[in-house]
Structure formats: structure tokens, C-alpha cells
Amino acid sequence: MPWPNFSIEVPGKWILTGEHSVIRGFPAIALPHDDLSLKFDFNPGGRALEIFPKNISKSILELLEIARSPKPEGTLTIESTIPMGSGFGSSAALCVALTKWLATPLSISEDKHFEFAKVLENHFHGESSGMDIAVVMKREALLYVKGQGGQPLGLKKLPRFTFHDTGKRAKTLDCVRRVKALITENPALLKYDTLMGEATERAQEGLRAFDQGNKENGLKLLAEGMKKAQECFYAWNLVPKEALALEKNLYQQGALAVKITGAGGGGFLVALWGEKIYGW
């Protein structure tokens, strides 16, 4: 089985709206985070596989087992600026890079890459919607619906978004399980899936309006969508105390809207800003 030299760099991602409800078939909007990335390099050699940094060896070996791949001989080095448990797609980036690496030796055709990477991501998420995988692979803003894939939004301009660390980390799998348990205990909470769907609709309208030059209306619609989405995170009990003061502070600075991005429970807040703040 050939194991050639291989190198790839993939971006992180962030979610504007649609977290959690996307698993149950509601739409979501996700975008690549080009300031964050994962670099993946493999150099073949006649020795047992060495993985750097050592602290990710266990995860890599588990993913190779899931992929039913023999261990190659050589050195695998991974460098990532995507913080784990941050909502920025660290697991998706790893699974996409691993899929691209295994594609040649395991004869994985390109049309199978998405599903292959999605199976790998199940290892981290329990049940991957495929959204993170799709946006990392396509490297552009997507409207994503589970089972239908991602529709590129074709945006040329985005408003000003900034990202703010709550200082707390949480596993996506734990957050997904928490929301499912809450809904099982109280099915009335399913109404927040509908609210999140409305949030995505508003956000999509806002992005398109802004992109087409109607900045004032675009920002208004985006702010409405983000606030609806944050309301869902509060209902799901996924806004930790570490985020509360930070959210309040961002609003005091003039943010138009603030929400958690990703699974919640920690990670980062994303803030939307108006033109007057940044002098556009």
C-alpha cells in the first residue's frame, strides 16, 4: 500500500446560527475561519508511525482504527492554531485532513470524502450533522441542512464580526447530549429548534442584504437572527457564567448582537458591530 509524502492545510470554522437544531434537520449558517488553521504533514519512512505532538497520538490511532486503515510507517506532524473545545471546528479540521491523507492509500474516491470524514467526526460528536465537515471542505460560507449538504451563499462582503474567548472549554458531545436530554425530559423545548430556524432565516436575509449594499437593513436582520439564536442557548442552559459578563461588556461597547458560536458551554462569543463603531 503506497504512503506518499502528504501535506495539507485546512481552515477552522465558525457558526453564525443553527447550532444543535441542525442535528434535527433545521438549517444553519457556517463560515470558514481563515485566521485559524490546521497543518497536517506526513513523511514516509521505514519506521513505526511517530505522531507529533504526542498528546494527539491516541486520537489519531483511534481514527485510523475507525477508518480500518493499517498504520503507515513514517512521521506525522500536526500543527493547529484552532483551540480545542472552542467551537471553531478543531475535530472537523482534523477529520478532513485525515480523510484527504487516507484517500490515495485507501482508494477513497472524491465523492466519498464528505461521508468518510463525517464518520470520523462521529468519534468526537457522537452524531455529526456534517456541517463542520462541509464548511471546512468547501472553504466558503454555507447554508447547511442535514442530509441535503451545504449551499454556498456566494457572499463577497461580510459585516464586522469579532470573537471573544469565554475562557471555558466544553466538549461538543457533552453539549449535544445535554440538549437531547433536556428535550427528552421536556418536549416543549423543541420550540427552540423552530426559533433557531427562524434565527437562521433572519441571518441569511441579513447577510444577503449586507452583501448587496443594503448595510443598515442587513445589520438589523443579522442582529435579530443572532439574538434569537442566543435565546436558544439560554433555554438549553449552554451559556456559562463565564460568558455572561463578557456578553454584557460587549453590548456596553456597542455590539449590535452577541451569541455563543459552536456547541456552547464555553468556547467563544461572536459579536456583530455596526458601521459607526468601526468607521466604515
Protein backbone atom coordinates (compact mmCIF):
# COMPACT_ATOMS: atom_id res chain seq x y z
CA MET A 1 0.00 0.00 0.00
CA PRO A 2 1.61 3.30 -1.09
CA TRP A 3 2.05 6.02 1.51
CA PRO A 4 3.46 9.06 -0.31
CA ASN A 5 4.54 12.37 1.18
CA PHE A 6 1.46 14.34 2.06
CA SER A 7 0.79 17.88 3.25
CA ILE A 8 -2.40 19.91 3.63
CA GLU A 9 -3.65 22.97 5.50
CA VAL A 10 -7.37 23.32 6.31
CA PRO A 11 -9.26 26.19 7.96
CA GLY A 12 -11.26 26.31 11.14
CA LYS A 13 -14.95 27.24 11.04
CA TRP A 14 -17.49 29.21 13.00
CA ILE A 15 -21.27 29.06 13.15
CA LEU A 16 -23.48 32.11 12.82
CA THR A 17 -26.79 30.34 13.59
CA GLY A 18 -28.27 26.87 13.71
CA GLU A 19 -26.30 25.06 16.38
CA HIS A 20 -27.91 21.90 17.79
CA SER A 21 -31.13 22.27 15.80
CA VAL A 22 -29.14 21.39 12.67
CA ILE A 23 -28.92 17.82 14.00
CA ARG A 24 -32.73 17.65 13.85
CA GLY A 25 -32.96 18.91 10.27
CA PHE A 26 -33.15 22.69 10.70
CA PRO A 27 -30.93 24.96 8.59
CA ALA A 28 -27.72 26.52 9.84
CA ILE A 29 -25.15 29.01 8.60
CA ALA A 30 -21.48 28.22 8.94
CA LEU A 31 -18.40 30.03 7.66
CA PRO A 32 -14.70 29.20 7.41
CA HIS A 33 -12.46 30.86 9.97
CA ASP A 34 -9.43 31.66 7.85
CA ASP A 35 -7.44 33.10 10.75
CA LEU A 36 -7.34 29.61 12.28
CA SER A 37 -5.97 26.52 10.58
CA LEU A 38 -4.60 23.01 10.93
CA LYS A 39 -1.44 21.90 9.11
CA PHE A 40 -1.03 18.18 8.51
CA ASP A 41 2.28 16.72 7.22
CA PHE A 42 3.27 13.10 6.68
CA ASN A 43 6.73 11.93 5.71
CA PRO A 44 7.02 8.20 4.95
CA GLY A 45 9.95 6.21 6.29
CA GLY A 46 10.96 2.73 7.32
CA ARG A 47 9.98 3.01 10.97
CA ALA A 48 6.90 2.70 13.11
CA LEU A 49 4.48 5.61 12.89
CA GLU A 50 5.52 8.56 15.03
CA ILE A 51 2.94 11.25 15.73
CA PHE A 52 3.71 14.78 16.87
CA PRO A 53 2.61 16.31 19.15
CA LYS A 54 2.46 13.20 21.30
CA ASN A 55 -0.73 14.25 23.10
CA ILE A 56 -2.82 13.66 19.96
CA SER A 57 -1.42 10.20 19.21
CA LYS A 58 -4.32 8.43 20.90
CA SER A 59 -6.93 10.29 18.84
CA ILE A 60 -5.08 9.69 15.57
CA LEU A 61 -4.69 5.98 16.25
CA GLU A 62 -8.38 5.70 17.16
CA LEU A 63 -9.36 7.45 13.92
CA LEU A 64 -7.11 5.14 11.89
CA GLU A 65 -8.85 2.19 13.53
CA ILE A 66 -12.29 3.63 12.66
CA ALA A 67 -11.07 4.11 9.09
CA ARG A 68 -9.86 0.49 9.05
CA SER A 69 -6.50 1.73 7.91
CA PRO A 70 -3.21 -0.04 8.54
CA LYS A 71 -0.64 2.07 10.33
CA PRO A 72 1.77 3.65 7.87
CA GLU A 73 5.48 3.89 8.55
CA GLY A 74 6.83 7.38 8.92
CA THR A 75 6.31 10.65 10.77
CA LEU A 76 3.04 12.54 11.08
CA THR A 77 3.22 16.12 12.32
CA ILE A 78 0.16 18.22 13.08
CA GLU A 79 0.26 21.92 13.91
CA SER A 80 -3.00 23.64 14.74
CA THR A 81 -3.98 27.14 15.79
CA ILE A 82 -7.60 26.01 16.29
CA PRO A 83 -8.23 25.84 20.05
CA MET A 84 -9.97 22.66 21.14
CA GLY A 85 -13.42 22.94 22.71
CA SER A 86 -13.76 26.44 21.30
CA GLY A 87 -16.50 26.00 18.70
CA PHE A 88 -14.05 26.56 15.85
CA GLY A 89 -14.05 23.07 14.35
CA SER A 90 -10.83 21.52 15.62
CA SER A 91 -12.22 18.00 15.19
CA ALA A 92 -13.67 18.74 11.74
CA ALA A 93 -10.35 20.14 10.52
CA LEU A 94 -8.54 17.04 11.78
CA CYS A 95 -11.06 14.66 10.19
CA VAL A 96 -10.96 16.45 6.84
CA ALA A 97 -7.16 16.45 6.78
CA LEU A 98 -7.05 12.78 7.75
CA THR A 99 -9.58 11.91 5.03
CA LYS A 100 -7.51 13.68 2.37
CA TRP A 101 -4.41 11.85 3.62
CA LEU A 102 -6.04 8.42 3.52
CA ALA A 103 -7.80 8.98 0.19
CA THR A 104 -4.99 7.65 -2.01
CA PRO A 105 -3.77 4.65 0.02
CA LEU A 106 -7.34 3.57 0.86
CA SER A 107 -8.72 4.38 -2.63
CA ILE A 108 -11.42 6.73 -1.32
CA SER A 109 -12.98 8.46 -4.31
CA GLU A 110 -13.51 12.22 -4.04
CA ASP A 111 -17.30 11.90 -3.99
CA LYS A 112 -16.94 9.79 -0.82
CA HIS A 113 -14.70 12.22 1.09
CA PHE A 114 -17.55 14.02 2.85
CA GLU A 115 -19.23 10.89 4.21
CA PHE A 116 -15.88 9.36 5.17
CA ALA A 117 -14.88 12.47 7.16
CA LYS A 118 -18.34 12.64 8.72
CA VAL A 119 -17.98 9.07 10.02
CA LEU A 120 -14.65 10.02 11.56
CA GLU A 121 -16.17 13.08 13.22
CA ASN A 122 -18.83 10.92 14.86
CA HIS A 123 -15.96 9.81 17.10
CA PHE A 124 -15.93 13.32 18.62
CA HIS A 125 -19.54 14.47 18.24
CA GLY A 126 -21.44 11.21 18.71
CA GLU A 127 -23.72 12.26 15.85
CA SER A 128 -22.14 14.62 13.35
CA SER A 129 -24.54 16.73 11.31
CA GLY A 130 -21.80 17.05 8.70
CA MET A 131 -22.00 20.85 8.78
CA ASP A 132 -18.49 21.44 10.14
CA ILE A 133 -17.05 18.94 7.67
CA ALA A 134 -18.83 20.62 4.76
CA VAL A 135 -17.65 24.16 5.51
CA VAL A 136 -14.06 23.07 6.16
CA MET A 137 -14.02 21.17 2.86
CA LYS A 138 -15.69 23.90 0.78
CA ARG A 139 -13.92 26.81 2.50
CA GLU A 140 -16.85 29.20 1.98
CA ALA A 141 -19.98 30.38 3.77
CA LEU A 142 -22.73 27.77 3.59
CA LEU A 143 -26.41 27.40 4.33
CA TYR A 144 -26.41 23.82 5.58
CA VAL A 145 -29.26 21.35 6.01
CA LYS A 146 -28.53 17.85 7.26
CA GLY A 147 -28.95 15.27 4.53
CA GLN A 148 -29.01 17.94 1.83
CA GLY A 149 -25.49 19.27 2.15
CA GLY A 150 -24.28 22.83 2.07
CA GLN A 151 -25.48 25.52 -0.31
CA PRO A 152 -22.79 28.17 -0.93
CA LEU A 153 -24.09 31.65 -0.08
CA GLY A 154 -21.74 33.30 -2.56
CA LEU A 155 -21.01 36.27 -0.29
CA LYS A 156 -18.42 38.83 -1.32
CA LYS A 157 -18.74 41.13 1.69
CA LEU A 158 -19.30 40.42 5.36
CA PRO A 159 -20.01 42.81 8.21
CA ARG A 160 -17.60 43.10 11.08
CA PHE A 161 -17.63 40.06 13.38
CA THR A 162 -15.23 39.64 16.29
CA PHE A 163 -14.56 36.62 18.50
CA HIS A 164 -14.13 36.68 22.27
CA ASP A 165 -12.88 33.88 24.49
CA THR A 166 -15.03 32.97 27.49
CA GLY A 167 -12.04 31.16 28.96
CA LYS A 168 -14.09 28.00 29.41
CA ARG A 169 -13.96 24.86 27.27
CA ALA A 170 -16.63 22.23 26.67
CA LYS A 171 -16.86 19.09 24.56
CA THR A 172 -19.34 19.16 21.68
CA LEU A 173 -20.50 15.65 22.54
CA ASP A 174 -21.36 16.67 26.12
CA CYS A 175 -23.34 19.70 24.92
CA VAL A 176 -25.23 17.68 22.30
CA ARG A 177 -26.17 15.12 24.93
CA ARG A 178 -27.29 17.84 27.33
CA VAL A 179 -29.69 19.36 24.79
CA LYS A 180 -31.08 15.94 23.83
CA ALA A 181 -31.64 15.09 27.49
CA LEU A 182 -33.44 18.40 28.11
CA ILE A 183 -35.74 17.79 25.12
CA THR A 184 -36.46 14.23 26.24
CA GLU A 185 -37.42 15.49 29.69
CA ASN A 186 -39.43 18.40 28.31
CA PRO A 187 -40.53 18.02 24.65
CA ALA A 188 -41.90 21.57 24.74
CA LEU A 189 -38.29 22.71 24.37
CA LEU A 190 -38.45 21.59 20.74
CA LYS A 191 -39.93 25.03 20.08
CA TYR A 192 -36.39 26.37 20.32
CA ASP A 193 -35.43 24.35 17.26
CA THR A 194 -38.09 26.33 15.42
CA LEU A 195 -36.78 29.57 16.91
CA MET A 196 -33.25 28.67 15.81
CA GLY A 197 -34.60 28.00 12.33
CA GLU A 198 -36.12 31.50 12.36
CA ALA A 199 -32.76 32.85 13.51
CA THR A 200 -31.06 31.28 10.51
CA GLU A 201 -33.69 32.70 8.16
CA ARG A 202 -33.15 36.23 9.54
CA ALA A 203 -29.38 35.86 9.45
CA GLN A 204 -29.41 34.65 5.85
CA GLU A 205 -31.59 37.59 4.81
CA GLY A 206 -29.23 39.91 6.67
CA LEU A 207 -26.10 38.52 5.05
CA ARG A 208 -27.61 38.84 1.58
CA ALA A 209 -28.86 42.39 2.22
CA PHE A 210 -25.46 43.47 3.53
CA ASP A 211 -23.67 41.81 0.62
CA GLN A 212 -25.93 43.64 -1.84
CA GLY A 213 -25.15 47.02 -0.31
CA ASN A 214 -28.15 47.47 2.00
CA LYS A 215 -25.94 47.56 5.07
CA GLU A 216 -28.39 49.12 7.53
CA ASN A 217 -31.13 46.56 6.92
CA GLY A 218 -28.59 43.77 6.69
CA LEU A 219 -27.15 44.55 10.10
CA LYS A 220 -30.64 44.87 11.59
CA LEU A 221 -31.67 41.44 10.30
CA LEU A 222 -28.40 39.85 11.38
CA ALA A 223 -28.76 41.26 14.88
CA GLU A 224 -32.30 39.89 15.11
CA GLY A 225 -31.12 36.47 14.00
CA MET A 226 -28.19 36.33 16.39
CA LYS A 227 -30.33 37.40 19.35
CA LYS A 228 -32.89 34.71 18.56
CA ALA A 229 -30.09 32.15 18.39
CA GLN A 230 -28.66 33.27 21.73
CA GLU A 231 -32.11 32.94 23.27
CA CYS A 232 -31.97 29.25 22.33
CA PHE A 233 -28.60 28.82 24.04
CA TYR A 234 -30.07 30.30 27.21
CA ALA A 235 -33.04 27.93 27.01
CA TRP A 236 -30.69 24.98 26.58
CA ASN A 237 -28.64 26.13 29.59
CA LEU A 238 -25.49 26.37 27.47
CA VAL A 239 -24.40 29.91 28.38
CA PRO A 240 -21.93 29.53 31.25
CA LYS A 241 -21.42 32.23 33.86
CA GLU A 242 -18.03 32.98 32.32
CA ALA A 243 -19.87 34.22 29.22
CA LEU A 244 -22.39 36.47 30.97
CA ALA A 245 -20.10 39.32 31.97
CA LEU A 246 -18.32 39.16 28.63
CA GLU A 247 -21.61 39.36 26.75
CA LYS A 248 -22.72 42.35 28.84
CA ASN A 249 -19.39 44.09 28.30
CA LEU A 250 -19.57 43.66 24.51
CA TYR A 251 -23.04 45.21 24.45
CA GLN A 252 -21.75 48.12 26.56
CA GLN A 253 -19.02 48.64 23.96
CA GLY A 254 -21.66 48.95 21.24
CA ALA A 255 -22.04 45.46 19.79
CA LEU A 256 -25.28 45.03 17.86
CA ALA A 257 -25.62 41.37 18.84
CA VAL A 258 -23.65 38.75 20.75
CA LYS A 259 -24.02 34.97 20.79
CA ILE A 260 -22.09 31.83 21.53
CA THR A 261 -20.64 30.19 18.45
CA GLY A 262 -20.43 26.41 18.40
CA ALA A 263 -21.91 23.85 20.76
CA GLY A 264 -21.92 26.16 23.79
CA GLY A 265 -20.98 25.53 27.38
CA GLY A 266 -17.92 27.70 26.83
CA GLY A 267 -15.73 28.49 23.88
CA PHE A 268 -16.13 31.86 22.17
CA LEU A 269 -18.72 34.56 21.76
CA VAL A 270 -19.15 36.17 18.35
CA ALA A 271 -20.10 39.86 18.27
CA LEU A 272 -21.61 41.84 15.41
CA TRP A 273 -20.66 45.50 15.04
CA GLY A 274 -22.19 48.41 13.16
CA GLU A 275 -20.52 50.80 10.77
CA LYS A 276 -20.35 53.70 13.20
CA ILE A 277 -18.27 51.63 15.63
CA TYR A 278 -15.61 50.89 13.04
CA GLY A 279 -15.97 53.97 10.85
CA TRP A 280 -16.79 52.18 7.61
